[in-house]
C-alpha atoms as a PDB file:
ATOM      1  CA  MET A   1      -3.094 230.200-164.025  1.00  0.00           C
ATOM      2  CA  ALA A   2      -4.347 226.680-162.496  1.00  0.00           C
ATOM      3  CA  ALA A   3      -3.391 225.693-159.013  1.00  0.00           C
ATOM      4  CA  GLU A   4      -0.569 223.852-158.745  1.00  0.00           C
ATOM      5  CA  LYS A   5      -0.002 220.199-157.494  1.00  0.00           C
ATOM      6  CA  THR A   6       2.378 218.582-155.430  1.00  0.00           C
ATOM      7  CA  THR A   7       3.988 215.278-156.382  1.00  0.00           C
ATOM      8  CA  THR A   8       6.852 213.228-155.377  1.00  0.00           C
ATOM      9  CA  ILE A   9       9.860 211.933-157.388  1.00  0.00           C
ATOM     10  CA  ARG A  10      12.812 209.874-156.744  1.00  0.00           C
ATOM     11  CA  MET A  11      16.401 210.638-157.398  1.00  0.00           C
ATOM     12  CA  ASP A  12      19.428 208.990-157.307  1.00  0.00           C
ATOM     13  CA  PRO A  13      21.747 211.326-155.047  1.00  0.00           C
ATOM     14  CA  ARG A  14      24.162 212.158-157.826  1.00  0.00           C
ATOM     15  CA  THR A  15      20.998 213.450-159.972  1.00  0.00           C
ATOM     16  CA  LEU A  16      19.766 215.510-157.049  1.00  0.00           C
ATOM     17  CA  LYS A  17      23.361 217.054-156.462  1.00  0.00           C
ATOM     18  CA  ARG A  18      23.165 217.991-160.210  1.00  0.00           C
ATOM     19  CA  VAL A  19      19.658 219.806-159.838  1.00  0.00           C
ATOM     20  CA  ASP A  20      20.641 221.672-156.653  1.00  0.00           C
ATOM     21  CA  GLY A  21      24.007 222.677-158.194  1.00  0.00           C
ATOM     22  CA  ILE A  22      21.895 224.223-161.223  1.00  0.00           C
ATOM     23  CA  ALA A  23      19.685 225.659-158.513  1.00  0.00           C
ATOM     24  CA  ARG A  24      22.497 227.599-156.823  1.00  0.00           C
ATOM     25  CA  ALA A  25      23.797 228.646-159.732  1.00  0.00           C
ATOM     26  CA  MET A  26      20.905 230.128-160.916  1.00  0.00           C
ATOM     27  CA  SER A  27      19.368 231.568-157.802  1.00  0.00           C
ATOM     28  CA  ARG A  28      16.394 229.077-157.954  1.00  0.00           C
ATOM     29  CA  SER A  29      14.649 226.802-156.086  1.00  0.00           C
ATOM     30  CA  ARG A  30      14.959 223.081-156.617  1.00  0.00           C
ATOM     31  CA  ALA A  31      11.621 222.930-157.765  1.00  0.00           C
ATOM     32  CA  TRP A  32      11.969 225.537-160.210  1.00  0.00           C
ATOM     33  CA  VAL A  33      14.574 223.794-162.086  1.00  0.00           C
ATOM     34  CA  ILE A  34      12.528 219.842-161.897  1.00  0.00           C
ATOM     35  CA  ASN A  35       9.943 222.168-163.326  1.00  0.00           C
ATOM     36  CA  GLN A  36      11.636 223.866-166.085  1.00  0.00           C
ATOM     37  CA  ALA A  37      13.521 220.145-167.070  1.00  0.00           C
ATOM     38  CA  VAL A  38      10.269 218.275-167.010  1.00  0.00           C
ATOM     39  CA  GLU A  39       8.713 221.141-169.409  1.00  0.00           C
ATOM     40  CA  ARG A  40      11.494 220.848-171.687  1.00  0.00           C
ATOM     41  CA  TYR A  41      11.541 217.286-171.702  1.00  0.00           C
ATOM     42  CA  LEU A  42       7.742 217.374-172.534  1.00  0.00           C
ATOM     43  CA  ASP A  43       8.090 219.759-175.437  1.00  0.00           C
ATOM     44  CA  TYR A  44      10.901 217.932-176.837  1.00  0.00           C
ATOM     45  CA  GLU A  45       9.094 214.536-176.454  1.00  0.00           C
ATOM     46  CA  GLU A  46       5.666 215.961-177.941  1.00  0.00           C
ATOM     47  CA  TRP A  47       7.341 217.426-181.005  1.00  0.00           C
ATOM     48  CA  PHE A  48       9.203 213.800-181.431  1.00  0.00           C
ATOM     49  CA  VAL A  49       6.144 212.283-181.266  1.00  0.00           C
ATOM     50  CA  GLY A  50       4.529 214.847-183.634  1.00  0.00           C
ATOM     51  CA  ALA A  51       7.040 214.316-186.325  1.00  0.00           C
ATOM     52  CA  VAL A  52       7.140 210.682-186.080  1.00  0.00           C
ATOM     53  CA  LYS A  53       3.371 210.321-187.033  1.00  0.00           C
ATOM     54  CA  ARG A  54       3.643 213.037-189.791  1.00  0.00           C
ATOM     55  CA  GLY A  55       6.743 211.049-191.063  1.00  0.00           C
ATOM     56  CA  LEU A  56       4.639 207.802-190.985  1.00  0.00           C
ATOM     57  CA  LYS A  57       1.684 209.539-192.654  1.00  0.00           C
ATOM     58  CA  GLU A  58       4.288 210.537-195.592  1.00  0.00           C
ATOM     59  CA  ALA A  59       5.543 207.240-195.839  1.00  0.00           C
ATOM     60  CA  GLU A  60       2.045 205.543-196.001  1.00  0.00           C
ATOM     61  CA  ALA A  61       1.324 208.421-198.830  1.00  0.00           C
ATOM     62  CA  GLY A  62       4.321 207.214-200.530  1.00  0.00           C
ATOM     63  CA  GLU A  63       6.230 210.287-200.114  1.00  0.00           C
ATOM     64  CA  LEU A  64       9.584 209.032-199.609  1.00  0.00           C
ATOM     65  CA  ALA A  65      12.960 210.324-200.825  1.00  0.00           C
ATOM     66  CA  GLU A  66      15.185 208.548-202.724  1.00  0.00           C
ATOM     67  CA  HIS A  67      18.569 206.983-201.185  1.00  0.00           C
ATOM     68  CA  GLU A  68      20.792 208.462-203.464  1.00  0.00           C
ATOM     69  CA  ALA A  69      18.905 211.905-202.793  1.00  0.00           C
ATOM     70  CA  VAL A  70      19.639 211.690-199.274  1.00  0.00           C
ATOM     71  CA  VAL A  71      23.068 210.343-199.490  1.00  0.00           C
ATOM     72  CA  ARG A  72      23.896 213.454-202.004  1.00  0.00           C
ATOM     73  CA  ARG A  73      22.206 216.153-199.050  1.00  0.00           C
ATOM     74  CA  TRP A  74      24.028 214.446-196.786  1.00  0.00           C
ATOM     75  CA  GLU A  75      27.330 214.749-198.587  1.00  0.00           C
ATOM     76  CA  SER A  76      26.574 218.343-199.210  1.00  0.00           C
ATOM     77  CA  LYS A  77      25.827 219.432-195.785  1.00  0.00           C
ATOM     78  CA  ARG A  78      29.231 217.520-194.456  1.00  0.00           C
ATOM     79  CA  GLY A  79      31.239 219.172-196.875  1.00  0.00           C
ATOM     80  CA  ALA A  80      29.846 222.657-196.320  1.00  0.00           C
ATOM     81  CA  LYS A  81      30.811 222.154-192.432  1.00  0.00           C
ATOM     82  CA  VAL A  82      34.463 220.916-193.357  1.00  0.00           C
ATOM     83  CA  ASP A  83      34.760 223.755-195.469  1.00  0.00           C
ATOM     84  CA  ALA A  84      33.358 226.218-193.121  1.00  0.00           C
ATOM     85  CA  ARG A  85      35.989 224.996-190.551  1.00  0.00           C
ATOM     86  CA  ARG A  86      39.019 225.798-193.013  1.00  0.00           C
END
């Protein structure tokens, strides 16, 4: 495991209070909660950047969906959700 490095961040008091509340609820340290939050954020952002890049490549290659097909699929999914709630 690589050596950990220390950094400093500034947080508004409300956010820090929320971090501390989660830390207490989970019996974890403030640092642990912040590290988990940063890891989750980075995982999501890396995924998102990759998805956008793949989408742009597909668009440049002409691999686009027809508007009508997207609308039909969306309406089908929306209808399934409504049916599931009944």
